[in-house]
Protein backbone atom coordinates (compact mmCIF):
# COMPACT_ATOMS: atom_id res chain seq x y z
CA UNK A 1 56.61 104.90 131.37
CA UNK A 2 59.65 105.83 133.73
CA UNK A 3 61.17 102.65 134.92
CA UNK A 4 61.96 102.02 139.26
CA UNK A 5 65.77 101.45 137.90
CA UNK A 6 66.39 104.40 135.87
CA UNK A 7 67.90 106.19 137.85
CA UNK A 8 69.85 103.64 139.58
CA UNK A 9 73.17 105.76 138.41
CA UNK A 10 71.79 108.86 138.51
CA UNK A 11 71.61 108.02 142.41
CA UNK A 12 74.78 106.69 143.41
CA UNK A 13 77.10 108.80 145.12
CA UNK A 14 79.84 110.33 143.76
CA UNK A 15 83.21 109.34 145.92
CA UNK A 16 85.87 112.11 145.72
CA UNK A 17 88.46 109.73 147.87
CA UNK A 18 91.81 108.76 146.42
CA UNK A 19 91.08 106.10 143.24
CA UNK A 20 93.81 103.59 144.61
CA UNK A 21 91.61 103.48 147.89
CA UNK A 22 88.03 103.80 146.22
CA UNK A 23 89.13 100.48 144.80
CA UNK A 24 89.60 98.31 147.33
CA UNK A 25 86.10 99.55 149.31
CA UNK A 26 84.13 96.88 147.96
CA UNK A 27 80.64 98.82 150.13
CA UNK A 28 80.77 101.52 147.50
CA UNK A 29 80.04 99.08 144.62
CA UNK A 30 77.06 98.50 144.05
CA UNK A 31 75.58 95.34 141.30
CA UNK A 32 73.84 96.75 138.30
CA UNK A 33 70.28 96.01 138.15
CA UNK A 34 69.35 93.07 136.37
CA UNK A 35 66.73 94.47 133.90
CA UNK A 36 69.29 97.27 132.67
CA UNK A 37 71.56 96.31 129.34
CA UNK A 38 75.11 96.26 128.22
CA UNK A 39 75.09 97.43 124.96
CA UNK A 40 78.64 97.77 123.00
CA UNK A 41 80.09 99.63 119.83
CA UNK A 42 82.84 98.70 117.72
CA UNK A 43 84.85 99.51 114.67
CA UNK A 44 85.51 95.78 113.10
CA UNK A 45 89.19 95.25 112.01
CA UNK A 46 89.75 98.63 113.90
CA UNK A 47 93.78 97.71 114.08
CA UNK A 48 93.78 97.24 109.80
CA UNK A 49 91.50 101.17 109.56
CA UNK A 50 94.37 102.67 111.66
CA UNK A 51 97.36 101.24 110.45
CA UNK A 52 96.30 102.43 107.24
CA UNK A 53 96.03 105.67 108.03
CA UNK A 54 92.60 106.05 109.39
CA UNK A 55 92.99 106.55 113.26
CA UNK A 56 90.87 110.13 112.64
CA UNK A 57 87.85 108.21 111.85
CA UNK A 58 87.97 105.59 114.07
CA UNK A 59 88.08 107.86 116.55
CA UNK A 60 85.19 110.14 115.36
CA UNK A 61 82.99 107.27 114.46
CA UNK A 62 83.60 105.64 117.91
CA UNK A 63 82.50 109.54 119.40
CA UNK A 64 79.53 109.73 117.45
CA UNK A 65 78.45 106.55 119.14
CA UNK A 66 78.83 108.20 122.24
CA UNK A 67 76.94 110.88 121.24
CA UNK A 68 73.84 109.53 119.62
CA UNK A 69 73.18 107.14 122.87
CA UNK A 70 73.85 110.92 125.13
CA UNK A 71 71.81 112.34 123.29
CA UNK A 72 68.77 110.11 123.52
CA UNK A 73 70.11 109.44 127.55
CA UNK A 74 69.29 113.51 127.52
CA UNK A 75 65.71 113.88 126.18
CA UNK A 76 64.92 111.13 128.56
CA UNK A 77 66.62 112.77 131.41
CA UNK A 78 68.77 109.67 132.58
CA UNK A 79 72.22 109.48 133.31
CA UNK A 80 73.80 106.59 131.63
CA UNK A 81 77.22 105.06 132.50
CA UNK A 82 79.70 104.61 129.14
CA UNK A 83 82.80 103.97 127.99
CA UNK A 84 84.96 104.90 125.73
CA UNK A 85 87.71 102.89 123.95
CA UNK A 86 89.26 104.65 121.20
CA UNK A 87 87.63 102.63 118.14
CA UNK A 88 84.25 101.81 120.04
CA UNK A 89 81.81 102.32 123.19
CA UNK A 90 80.15 100.71 125.89
CA UNK A 91 76.66 101.90 127.66
CA UNK A 92 74.80 100.14 130.31
CA UNK A 93 71.13 101.30 130.01
CA UNK A 94 67.73 100.77 131.55
CA UNK A 95 65.21 98.72 129.90
CA UNK A 96 63.19 101.98 128.40
CA UNK A 97 65.86 103.86 126.25
CA UNK A 98 67.28 100.34 124.61
CA UNK A 99 65.26 100.57 121.54
CA UNK A 100 65.62 104.04 120.61
CA UNK A 101 69.16 103.61 121.19
CA UNK A 102 69.70 100.68 119.49
CA UNK A 103 67.19 101.87 116.16
CA UNK A 104 69.54 105.03 116.38
CA UNK A 105 73.36 103.24 116.68
CA UNK A 106 71.99 101.03 113.52
CA UNK A 107 71.25 103.73 111.67
CA UNK A 108 74.59 105.07 112.62
CA UNK A 109 76.29 102.09 111.60
CA UNK A 110 74.96 102.45 108.15
CA UNK A 111 75.82 105.84 107.47
CA UNK A 112 79.21 105.16 108.85
CA UNK A 113 79.65 102.18 106.34
CA UNK A 114 78.44 104.52 103.95
CA UNK A 115 80.51 107.13 104.18
CA UNK A 116 83.85 106.01 105.84
CA UNK A 117 83.69 102.36 104.64
CA UNK A 118 84.15 101.26 108.06
CA UNK A 119 82.05 98.78 109.68
CA UNK A 120 80.54 99.70 113.40
CA UNK A 121 79.00 96.57 115.29
CA UNK A 122 76.43 97.52 117.56
CA UNK A 123 75.62 94.51 119.99
CA UNK A 124 73.30 94.27 123.22
CA UNK A 125 73.54 91.69 125.99
CA UNK A 126 71.27 91.85 129.32
CA UNK A 127 72.77 92.53 132.86
CA UNK A 128 70.42 89.20 133.52
CA UNK A 129 72.14 87.08 131.47
CA UNK A 130 75.82 88.10 132.40
CA UNK A 131 74.68 87.68 135.86
CA UNK A 132 73.11 83.91 134.94
CA UNK A 133 76.44 83.38 133.66
CA UNK A 134 78.28 83.68 136.92
CA UNK A 135 80.25 86.85 136.27
CA UNK A 136 80.25 90.20 137.69
CA UNK A 137 78.87 94.04 137.60
CA UNK A 138 79.39 96.05 139.92
CA UNK A 139 79.63 99.90 139.81
CA UNK A 140 80.79 103.00 141.55
CA UNK A 141 80.95 106.75 140.68
CA UNK A 142 84.08 109.03 141.14
CA UNK A 143 85.41 112.15 140.76
CA UNK A 144 88.95 113.89 140.72
CA UNK A 145 87.52 116.98 140.01
CA UNK A 146 84.44 119.74 140.97
CA UNK A 147 82.97 119.22 137.37
CA UNK A 148 83.15 115.63 136.66
CA UNK A 149 82.59 112.25 138.08
CA UNK A 150 83.20 109.13 135.83
CA UNK A 151 82.13 105.19 136.11
CA UNK A 152 84.65 102.76 137.66
CA UNK A 153 82.71 99.33 136.85
CA UNK A 154 84.66 95.73 138.92
CA UNK A 155 84.23 92.63 137.68
CA UNK A 156 84.32 90.81 134.44
CA UNK A 157 80.84 90.93 133.55
CA UNK A 158 81.47 93.76 130.32
CA UNK A 159 84.36 91.60 129.04
CA UNK A 160 82.04 88.51 128.56
CA UNK A 161 79.38 90.89 126.85
CA UNK A 162 82.17 92.33 124.57
CA UNK A 163 83.65 88.65 124.28
CA UNK A 164 80.29 87.37 122.81
CA UNK A 165 79.13 90.61 120.77
CA UNK A 166 82.96 90.68 118.85
CA UNK A 167 82.51 86.46 118.78
CA UNK A 168 81.85 84.77 115.05
CA UNK A 169 78.80 83.52 116.08
CA UNK A 170 77.32 87.09 117.69
CA UNK A 171 73.90 88.11 115.67
CA UNK A 172 73.58 91.64 114.99
CA UNK A 173 70.06 92.97 115.40
CA UNK A 174 68.98 93.31 111.55
CA UNK A 175 65.61 95.44 112.40
CA UNK A 176 64.48 98.85 110.06
CA UNK A 177 66.57 101.95 110.78
CA UNK A 178 65.27 103.45 107.16
CA UNK A 179 62.37 105.71 109.39
CA UNK A 180 65.06 106.61 111.97
CA UNK A 181 67.14 110.38 112.61
CA UNK A 182 70.25 110.34 114.44
CA UNK A 183 70.77 112.43 116.83
CA UNK A 184 74.55 113.73 116.72
CA UNK A 185 74.10 117.44 117.42
CA UNK A 186 76.90 118.96 120.07
CA UNK A 187 79.30 115.91 118.57
CA UNK A 188 82.36 118.63 117.48
CA UNK A 189 85.97 117.65 116.99
CA UNK A 190 87.77 120.98 116.24
CA UNK A 191 90.93 120.68 118.38
CA UNK A 192 94.38 119.59 116.35
CA UNK A 193 96.48 116.84 117.50
CA UNK A 194 97.66 117.94 120.97
CA UNK A 195 101.42 118.04 122.14
CA UNK A 196 102.15 116.69 125.45
CA UNK A 197 102.39 119.92 128.56
CA UNK A 198 105.74 121.68 129.16
CA UNK A 199 108.20 119.33 130.79
CA UNK A 200 106.54 116.18 129.67
CA UNK A 201 107.88 114.27 126.47
CA UNK A 202 105.41 111.95 125.35
CA UNK A 203 101.85 110.07 125.83
CA UNK A 204 101.26 106.80 126.92
CA UNK A 205 98.21 104.99 125.73
CA UNK A 206 97.95 101.89 128.72
CA UNK A 207 95.17 98.92 128.84
CA UNK A 208 95.59 96.63 131.89
CA UNK A 209 93.89 93.19 132.65
CA UNK A 210 93.81 91.44 135.52
CA UNK A 211 94.86 87.76 135.78
CA UNK A 212 92.20 86.63 138.60
CA UNK A 213 89.38 88.30 138.75
CA UNK A 214 88.28 88.34 142.78
CA UNK A 215 92.08 90.14 143.00
CA UNK A 216 90.96 92.61 140.55
CA UNK A 217 90.09 95.69 142.90
CA UNK A 218 93.59 94.79 144.94
CA UNK A 219 95.73 94.48 141.68
CA UNK A 220 93.92 97.58 140.40
CA UNK A 221 95.02 99.74 143.00
CA UNK A 222 98.53 98.82 143.04
CA UNK A 223 98.34 99.76 139.26
CA UNK A 224 96.93 103.24 140.19
CA UNK A 225 99.85 103.70 143.15
CA UNK A 226 102.44 103.10 141.05
CA UNK A 227 100.88 105.65 138.35
CA UNK A 228 100.21 107.99 141.32
CA UNK A 229 104.04 107.78 142.59
CA UNK A 230 105.85 107.61 139.21
CA UNK A 231 103.82 110.33 137.16
CA UNK A 232 102.20 112.18 140.08
CA UNK A 233 98.44 113.13 140.42
CA UNK A 234 96.14 112.97 138.14
CA UNK A 235 96.50 116.55 137.19
CA UNK A 236 100.34 115.97 136.47
CA UNK A 237 99.61 112.77 134.13
CA UNK A 238 96.46 115.06 132.24
CA UNK A 239 98.17 115.27 128.25
CA UNK A 240 95.89 118.16 127.76
CA UNK A 241 96.74 121.34 128.66
CA UNK A 242 95.53 124.62 127.56
CA UNK A 243 98.81 126.08 126.28
CA UNK A 244 99.07 123.58 123.64
CA UNK A 245 95.26 123.57 122.50
CA UNK A 246 95.37 124.48 118.53
CA UNK A 247 92.23 124.83 116.56
CA UNK A 248 91.78 122.85 113.20
CA UNK A 249 90.19 125.79 110.62
CA UNK A 250 91.03 123.64 107.24
CA UNK A 251 87.61 122.83 105.58
CA UNK A 252 89.24 119.07 105.11
CA UNK A 253 89.23 118.90 108.87
CA UNK A 254 85.53 120.28 109.47
CA UNK A 255 84.36 118.63 106.51
CA UNK A 256 85.15 115.37 108.25
CA UNK A 257 83.03 116.39 111.39
CA UNK A 258 80.06 117.84 109.14
CA UNK A 259 79.65 114.28 107.75
CA UNK A 260 79.60 112.24 110.68
CA UNK A 261 77.01 114.20 112.06
CA UNK A 262 75.18 114.63 108.92
CA UNK A 263 75.79 111.80 106.54
CA UNK A 264 77.35 113.62 104.06
CA UNK A 265 78.90 117.70 103.26
CA UNK A 266 76.50 120.33 103.09
CA UNK A 267 78.19 123.34 102.34
CA UNK A 268 76.07 125.85 104.22
CA UNK A 269 76.94 123.55 107.35
CA UNK A 270 80.47 123.49 106.65
CA UNK A 271 80.62 127.23 106.40
CA UNK A 272 78.57 127.46 109.34
CA UNK A 273 80.96 125.37 111.32
CA UNK A 274 83.99 127.77 109.89
CA UNK A 275 82.87 130.49 110.98
CA UNK A 276 81.83 128.91 114.83
CA UNK A 277 85.39 128.21 114.67
CA UNK A 278 86.48 131.62 113.96
CA UNK A 279 84.29 132.88 116.56
CA UNK A 280 85.98 130.71 118.87
CA UNK A 281 88.96 132.51 118.70
CA UNK A 282 87.15 135.45 120.22
CA UNK A 283 85.17 133.27 122.57
CA UNK A 284 88.24 131.85 124.22
CA UNK A 285 89.86 134.68 124.99
CA UNK A 286 86.67 136.20 127.32
CA UNK A 287 86.12 135.45 130.82
CA UNK A 288 83.47 132.77 129.53
CA UNK A 289 86.05 131.06 127.09
CA UNK A 290 88.84 130.85 129.44
CA UNK A 291 86.28 128.88 131.86
CA UNK A 292 85.19 126.34 129.19
CA UNK A 293 88.91 125.75 128.45
CA UNK A 294 89.72 125.37 132.14
CA UNK A 295 86.84 122.87 132.51
CA UNK A 296 87.92 121.25 129.14
CA UNK A 297 91.10 120.15 130.84
CA UNK A 298 89.18 118.85 134.42
CA UNK A 299 86.51 117.20 131.57
CA UNK A 300 88.91 114.57 129.61
CA UNK A 301 88.06 111.81 129.73
CA UNK A 302 91.57 110.14 130.12
CA UNK A 303 90.62 107.39 132.32
CA UNK A 304 88.09 104.04 131.90
CA UNK A 305 87.80 101.54 134.07
CA UNK A 306 85.14 99.10 133.00
CA UNK A 307 86.89 95.71 134.01
CA UNK A 308 90.17 96.97 133.04
CA UNK A 309 92.27 100.08 133.10
CA UNK A 310 92.57 102.33 130.02
CA UNK A 311 94.62 105.44 130.10
CA UNK A 312 95.67 107.87 128.49
CA UNK A 313 98.42 109.70 130.68
CA UNK A 314 101.68 112.02 130.02
CA UNK A 315 105.22 112.34 130.85
CA UNK A 316 108.61 111.45 130.30
CA UNK A 317 110.38 108.54 128.68
CA UNK A 318 112.19 107.97 132.25
CA UNK A 319 108.72 107.89 133.95
CA UNK A 320 107.62 105.11 131.13
CA UNK A 321 110.71 102.96 132.10
CA UNK A 322 110.00 103.19 135.55
CA UNK A 323 106.48 102.14 134.66
CA UNK A 324 107.42 99.28 133.04
CA UNK A 325 109.63 97.87 135.44
CA UNK A 326 106.35 97.85 137.82
CA UNK A 327 104.22 96.79 134.91
CA UNK A 328 106.52 94.05 134.25
CA UNK A 329 106.77 92.96 137.81
CA UNK A 330 103.28 92.60 138.41
CA UNK A 331 102.96 90.41 134.97
CA UNK A 332 105.93 88.52 136.36
CA UNK A 333 103.87 87.76 139.29
CA UNK A 334 100.99 86.42 137.02
CA UNK A 335 98.86 89.69 138.37
CA UNK A 336 98.12 91.21 135.02
CA UNK A 337 98.62 91.53 131.48
CA UNK A 338 99.50 95.29 129.90
CA UNK A 339 99.22 96.96 126.39
CA UNK A 340 100.92 100.26 126.31
CA UNK A 341 101.47 102.57 122.89
CA UNK A 342 103.71 105.62 122.97
CA UNK A 343 103.10 108.65 120.76
CA UNK A 344 103.94 111.80 120.49
CA UNK A 345 100.73 113.62 120.32
CA UNK A 346 96.81 113.06 122.13
CA UNK A 347 93.47 113.29 119.78
CA UNK A 348 90.40 114.48 121.02
CA UNK A 349 87.14 114.64 119.73
CA UNK A 350 84.40 116.52 122.31
CA UNK A 351 80.68 116.29 123.21
CA UNK A 352 79.41 119.81 123.33
CA UNK A 353 75.82 120.28 124.82
CA UNK A 354 76.31 123.97 126.22
CA UNK A 355 79.62 125.78 126.91
CA UNK A 356 78.80 126.44 130.70
CA UNK A 357 78.88 122.81 131.87
CA UNK A 358 77.83 120.43 129.74
CA UNK A 359 80.54 118.87 127.89
CA UNK A 360 82.64 115.93 128.08
CA UNK A 361 86.15 115.37 125.81
CA UNK A 362 87.12 112.12 124.74
CA UNK A 363 91.05 111.36 124.65
CA UNK A 364 93.10 108.69 123.10
CA UNK A 365 96.57 108.43 121.98
CA UNK A 366 97.62 109.82 118.27
CA UNK A 367 97.79 107.17 115.82
CA UNK A 368 95.37 104.84 117.17
CA UNK A 369 96.96 104.76 120.80
CA UNK A 370 94.12 102.43 122.38
CA UNK A 371 93.77 100.55 119.24
CA UNK A 372 97.95 99.65 119.24
CA UNK A 373 97.84 99.32 122.57
CA UNK A 374 94.54 96.87 122.38
CA UNK A 375 96.90 94.88 119.78
CA UNK A 376 99.73 94.57 122.08
CA UNK A 377 97.94 93.17 124.81
CA UNK A 378 95.94 90.57 122.72
CA UNK A 379 99.24 89.61 121.05
CA UNK A 380 100.72 88.78 124.87
CA UNK A 381 97.25 87.01 125.61
CA UNK A 382 98.10 84.86 122.32
CA UNK A 383 101.70 83.96 123.56
CA UNK A 384 100.36 83.06 126.49
CA UNK A 385 97.28 80.77 125.40
CA UNK A 386 95.91 80.94 128.58
CA UNK A 387 92.00 81.56 128.97
CA UNK A 388 90.74 84.28 130.80
CA UNK A 389 87.56 85.87 130.53
CA UNK A 390 88.95 89.18 131.30
CA UNK A 391 89.31 90.24 127.84
């Protein structure tokens, strides 16, 4: 039975104003319904896995957790806000979906542990509990293109849930998942590492948190303004460009994708994936294929605001030095803490329900951009020994 708040997120207006302006318009943010739940997936010891060269698997497993949840939401005709984090993901879901989502994620956890020896935790916390603990969770919808909108979350509610779920004392659900199948249809990881566009030199993965929660909207607006001034519009700092997209064709690369989707490699599935890739060379030369590639760039998820700013951008080293100077000043003023990682390429994994307009693409800096940037940020927090609820 459908709950009256099930379509809360879908019914929010999509704001197309400049993001720096939207952030300071508190009237455009609504509190998440108290009966919704926050679900967080997170790969345990992801930093060590990335250092051991497992960054591709870490990204794919994080993507798979999103695909599993979005397929359940699609069948229920419910739009859920989600946030990609490189080594995991966060979802805010209505109560009617919770049981099926958790069963699917726990089954997925079983598969990833068995196939890749990586432990994907899946934890849950009621929005009501977040509010009772004195934390905020405000949400808005933002779009910078015709086809793609993202959730923007302000408040420290998700950070509070994450701190508890990733904590040592959190009890993960151990319900039986043996009878449960996971739907990972639409999960694709067909693109090789992507070099920066023409006239750009590098890919920057950036995570920013605000020291004082009540200043969050204003300080985030300042950070976005710095990005706009130094790097230009979101289109100009977009690390994905059509000329730099290269298809993966090796059986080894495709094998990883099939293994993620099916739990083990089946020869006929592998052959099918390879044949689809071969067809892709022809398809992307057609009018429909060119339209898909244009949308792929527009629908690349390079910005996540979930109570902190997570973004992957491209530019020159000169631009990065200007950004570092601006961020250092904000950090020195006690307004922010940030972590930044520079790589020569970006990586992308995809969720493609259809080639027309039902697809989204998750972007990270190569060599585990988000995981490395988070490592820098955590070290800064340890060095300061300042208690903060924003991480």
